[in-house]
N, C-alpha and C. Protein backbone atom coordinates (compact mmCIF):
# COMPACT_ATOMS: atom_id res chain seq x y z
N MET A 1 24.51 -10.60 -16.75
CA MET A 1 23.23 -9.96 -16.25
C MET A 1 23.23 -9.86 -14.93
N SER A 2 22.79 -8.50 -14.54
CA SER A 2 22.52 -8.00 -13.28
C SER A 2 21.25 -7.78 -13.07
N GLU A 3 20.53 -8.43 -11.50
CA GLU A 3 19.34 -8.16 -11.43
C GLU A 3 18.91 -6.86 -11.02
N PRO A 4 17.68 -6.45 -11.70
CA PRO A 4 17.26 -4.88 -11.50
C PRO A 4 17.30 -4.44 -10.08
N ARG A 5 17.68 -3.22 -9.59
CA ARG A 5 17.88 -3.09 -8.38
C ARG A 5 16.40 -2.22 -8.03
N ILE A 6 15.73 -3.16 -6.78
CA ILE A 6 14.25 -2.49 -6.20
C ILE A 6 14.80 -1.56 -5.24
N ARG A 7 14.33 -0.40 -4.97
CA ARG A 7 14.96 0.39 -4.07
C ARG A 7 13.73 0.63 -3.12
N ALA A 8 14.00 0.54 -1.80
CA ALA A 8 13.27 0.38 -0.69
C ALA A 8 12.67 1.65 -0.14
N PHE A 9 11.18 1.85 0.34
CA PHE A 9 11.31 3.20 1.02
C PHE A 9 11.19 3.15 2.35
N CYS A 10 11.99 4.02 3.00
CA CYS A 10 12.07 3.76 4.54
C CYS A 10 12.17 5.28 4.95
N GLU A 11 12.19 5.59 6.18
CA GLU A 11 12.04 6.86 6.99
C GLU A 11 12.42 8.14 6.19
N ARG A 12 13.92 7.78 5.74
CA ARG A 12 14.58 9.28 5.38
C ARG A 12 13.89 9.44 3.64
N ASN A 13 12.72 8.55 3.11
CA ASN A 13 12.19 9.34 1.97
C ASN A 13 10.90 9.77 2.46
N LEU A 14 10.28 9.72 3.40
CA LEU A 14 9.20 10.40 3.93
C LEU A 14 9.35 11.88 3.89
N ARG A 15 8.27 12.38 3.30
CA ARG A 15 8.24 13.66 3.02
C ARG A 15 7.22 14.57 4.18
N TRP A 16 8.04 14.93 4.99
CA TRP A 16 6.82 15.50 6.66
C TRP A 16 5.91 16.37 6.12
N ARG A 17 5.99 17.48 4.93
CA ARG A 17 5.28 18.14 4.58
C ARG A 17 4.05 17.89 4.02
N TRP A 18 4.23 16.67 3.03
CA TRP A 18 2.82 15.69 2.59
C TRP A 18 2.76 14.90 3.79
N ALA A 19 2.85 14.71 4.45
CA ALA A 19 2.54 13.81 5.91
C ALA A 19 1.54 14.74 6.40
N LEU A 20 1.99 15.61 6.62
CA LEU A 20 0.95 16.79 7.24
C LEU A 20 -0.02 17.55 6.69
N LEU A 21 0.19 17.59 5.86
CA LEU A 21 -1.02 17.81 5.14
C LEU A 21 -2.07 16.61 4.80
N GLY A 22 -1.63 15.42 4.53
CA GLY A 22 -2.62 14.23 4.75
C GLY A 22 -3.17 14.35 5.93
N GLY A 23 -2.58 14.38 7.33
CA GLY A 23 -3.45 14.73 8.34
C GLY A 23 -4.17 15.41 8.53
N VAL A 24 -4.01 17.06 8.18
CA VAL A 24 -4.87 17.40 8.19
C VAL A 24 -6.27 17.53 7.26
N CYS A 25 -5.96 16.66 6.22
CA CYS A 25 -6.80 16.55 5.37
C CYS A 25 -7.85 15.39 5.94
N SER A 26 -7.10 14.43 6.55
CA SER A 26 -7.86 13.20 7.22
C SER A 26 -8.77 13.82 8.51
N ILE A 27 -8.03 14.59 9.29
CA ILE A 27 -8.60 15.38 10.47
C ILE A 27 -10.23 15.89 9.80
N GLY A 28 -10.30 16.50 8.56
CA GLY A 28 -11.30 17.17 7.95
C GLY A 28 -12.16 15.96 7.20
N ALA A 29 -11.97 14.80 6.59
CA ALA A 29 -12.40 13.97 6.22
C ALA A 29 -13.09 13.24 7.47
N LEU A 30 -12.51 13.06 8.79
CA LEU A 30 -13.27 12.23 9.87
C LEU A 30 -14.29 13.13 10.14
N GLN A 31 -14.68 14.10 9.87
CA GLN A 31 -15.90 14.79 10.40
C GLN A 31 -16.82 14.34 9.50
N GLY A 32 -16.79 13.96 8.44
CA GLY A 32 -18.08 13.61 7.43
C GLY A 32 -18.10 12.19 7.04
N VAL A 33 -17.31 11.47 7.43
CA VAL A 33 -16.68 10.15 6.82
C VAL A 33 -16.29 9.23 7.98
N THR A 34 -16.79 7.92 7.89
CA THR A 34 -16.84 7.21 8.99
C THR A 34 -15.03 6.63 8.96
N PRO A 35 -14.48 6.30 9.94
CA PRO A 35 -12.99 6.48 10.05
C PRO A 35 -12.51 5.11 9.51
N ILE A 36 -13.30 4.04 9.48
CA ILE A 36 -12.78 2.90 8.64
C ILE A 36 -12.39 3.57 7.35
N ARG A 37 -13.25 4.00 6.66
CA ARG A 37 -12.98 4.58 5.17
C ARG A 37 -11.91 5.53 4.86
N VAL A 38 -11.87 6.36 5.92
CA VAL A 38 -10.37 7.07 5.62
C VAL A 38 -9.40 6.20 5.85
N ALA A 39 -9.39 5.31 6.81
CA ALA A 39 -8.21 4.60 7.01
C ALA A 39 -7.77 3.38 6.03
N VAL A 40 -8.90 3.03 5.17
CA VAL A 40 -8.75 2.49 4.16
C VAL A 40 -8.01 3.03 3.12
N VAL A 41 -8.69 4.44 2.88
CA VAL A 41 -8.15 5.42 1.72
C VAL A 41 -6.45 5.70 2.17
N GLY A 42 -6.52 5.73 2.99
CA GLY A 42 -4.69 6.18 3.76
C GLY A 42 -3.74 5.22 3.43
N ALA A 43 -4.32 3.49 4.06
CA ALA A 43 -3.47 2.59 3.35
C ALA A 43 -3.00 2.21 1.86
N TRP A 44 -4.50 2.26 1.08
CA TRP A 44 -4.28 2.26 -0.45
C TRP A 44 -2.91 3.28 -0.93
N LEU A 45 -3.21 4.40 -0.43
CA LEU A 45 -2.47 5.68 -0.78
C LEU A 45 -1.12 5.31 -0.10
N ILE A 46 -0.45 4.55 0.68
CA ILE A 46 0.79 4.14 1.04
C ILE A 46 1.23 2.96 0.20
N LEU A 47 -0.01 2.12 -0.11
CA LEU A 47 0.89 0.96 -1.13
C LEU A 47 0.79 1.45 -2.14
N LEU A 48 0.12 2.33 -2.81
CA LEU A 48 0.19 2.84 -4.38
C LEU A 48 1.67 3.61 -4.22
N GLY A 49 1.89 4.46 -2.99
CA GLY A 49 2.91 5.47 -3.11
C GLY A 49 4.02 4.33 -3.15
N ILE A 50 4.13 3.45 -2.02
CA ILE A 50 5.25 2.49 -2.05
C ILE A 50 5.74 1.85 -3.55
N ALA A 51 4.67 1.51 -3.92
CA ALA A 51 4.58 0.75 -5.60
C ALA A 51 5.11 1.45 -6.63
N VAL A 52 4.71 2.60 -6.38
CA VAL A 52 5.31 4.09 -7.51
C VAL A 52 6.68 4.27 -6.99
N PHE A 53 6.99 4.32 -5.96
CA PHE A 53 8.65 4.41 -5.72
C PHE A 53 9.34 3.43 -5.95
N SER A 54 9.04 2.36 -5.62
CA SER A 54 9.89 1.16 -5.97
C SER A 54 10.12 0.85 -7.41
N LEU A 55 8.92 1.04 -7.86
CA LEU A 55 9.40 0.44 -9.59
C LEU A 55 9.51 1.64 -10.67
N LEU A 56 8.77 2.61 -10.24
CA LEU A 56 8.20 3.72 -11.61
C LEU A 56 9.31 4.72 -10.90
N HIS A 57 9.03 5.62 -10.26
CA HIS A 57 9.36 7.11 -10.13
C HIS A 57 9.63 7.54 -8.63
N ARG A 58 10.83 7.66 -8.32
CA ARG A 58 10.85 8.03 -6.72
C ARG A 58 10.32 9.27 -6.27
N PRO A 59 10.44 10.63 -7.26
CA PRO A 59 9.72 11.71 -6.83
C PRO A 59 8.50 12.13 -6.56
N ILE A 60 7.89 10.71 -7.10
CA ILE A 60 6.40 10.83 -7.31
C ILE A 60 5.38 9.99 -6.31
N GLY A 61 6.32 8.81 -6.22
CA GLY A 61 6.06 7.68 -5.24
C GLY A 61 6.52 8.34 -3.72
N ALA A 62 7.07 9.10 -2.94
CA ALA A 62 7.41 9.26 -1.98
C ALA A 62 6.70 10.27 -1.40
N PRO A 63 5.73 11.53 -2.10
CA PRO A 63 4.82 12.46 -1.66
C PRO A 63 3.59 11.52 -1.49
N VAL A 64 3.42 10.41 -2.49
CA VAL A 64 1.87 9.87 -2.34
C VAL A 64 2.07 8.79 -1.11
N ALA A 65 3.29 8.33 -1.03
CA ALA A 65 3.01 7.52 0.61
C ALA A 65 2.92 8.09 1.66
N SER A 66 3.89 9.54 1.54
CA SER A 66 4.06 10.43 2.90
C SER A 66 2.55 10.71 2.91
N PHE A 67 1.61 11.31 1.93
CA PHE A 67 0.45 11.56 1.85
C PHE A 67 -0.50 10.63 2.63
N GLY A 68 -0.53 9.30 2.36
CA GLY A 68 -1.06 8.52 3.08
C GLY A 68 -0.62 7.94 4.33
N LEU A 69 0.24 7.91 4.41
CA LEU A 69 0.60 7.81 6.00
C LEU A 69 -0.12 8.91 6.85
N GLY A 70 -0.14 10.40 6.39
CA GLY A 70 -0.61 11.45 7.02
C GLY A 70 -1.90 11.01 7.49
N VAL A 71 -2.89 10.58 6.04
CA VAL A 71 -4.20 10.22 6.11
C VAL A 71 -4.58 9.20 6.96
N LEU A 72 -3.78 7.82 7.17
CA LEU A 72 -3.96 6.87 7.81
C LEU A 72 -3.84 7.24 9.55
N THR A 73 -2.75 8.26 9.86
CA THR A 73 -2.73 8.15 11.24
C THR A 73 -3.83 8.60 11.97
N PRO A 74 -4.35 9.74 11.84
CA PRO A 74 -5.40 10.16 12.66
C PRO A 74 -6.40 8.92 12.57
N ALA A 75 -6.60 8.62 11.69
CA ALA A 75 -8.02 7.67 11.31
C ALA A 75 -7.55 6.50 12.18
N ALA A 76 -6.44 5.99 12.65
CA ALA A 76 -6.09 4.52 13.01
C ALA A 76 -6.80 4.39 14.45
N VAL A 77 -6.51 5.25 15.23
CA VAL A 77 -7.11 5.06 16.38
C VAL A 77 -8.85 5.13 16.43
N PRO A 78 -9.66 5.87 16.10
CA PRO A 78 -10.95 5.74 15.90
C PRO A 78 -11.53 4.46 15.05
N THR A 79 -10.48 4.23 14.20
CA THR A 79 -11.02 2.75 13.35
C THR A 79 -10.75 1.62 14.51
N ALA A 80 -9.44 1.74 15.03
CA ALA A 80 -9.36 0.73 16.31
C ALA A 80 -10.55 0.45 16.84
N LEU A 81 -10.79 1.62 17.65
CA LEU A 81 -11.82 1.63 18.71
C LEU A 81 -13.13 0.89 17.78
N ASP A 82 -13.68 1.65 17.20
CA ASP A 82 -14.56 0.98 16.40
C ASP A 82 -14.15 -0.80 16.03
N LEU A 83 -13.51 -1.01 15.66
CA LEU A 83 -13.51 -2.56 15.08
C LEU A 83 -13.35 -3.15 16.59
N LEU A 84 -12.57 -2.68 17.47
CA LEU A 84 -12.78 -3.40 19.05
C LEU A 84 -14.30 -3.55 19.68
N ASP A 85 -14.92 -2.54 19.83
CA ASP A 85 -16.40 -2.20 19.87
C ASP A 85 -17.48 -3.11 19.01
N SER A 86 -16.91 -2.94 18.03
CA SER A 86 -17.98 -4.74 17.25
C SER A 86 -17.62 -6.25 17.53
N LEU A 87 -17.06 -6.26 18.49
CA LEU A 87 -16.31 -7.59 19.05
C LEU A 87 -17.32 -7.95 19.90
């Protein structure tokens, strides 16, 4: 009996339009919410998208992970600066 094949999420599965949309939403969210909260939401979406992509359904998981990457990218620098400032 063969092992179930787990599909890995890699750069060729990234949906650039979804990542761009996530970046625009992140920039808007950074105007009213702290950067750490936006980064946490982005990281959560990435993990959720990769889990859905690997275990359940590729066409749904790839856009979710791409959107999460787009959300996380603009929030990463302000979050890192806030964390370094707190030291």
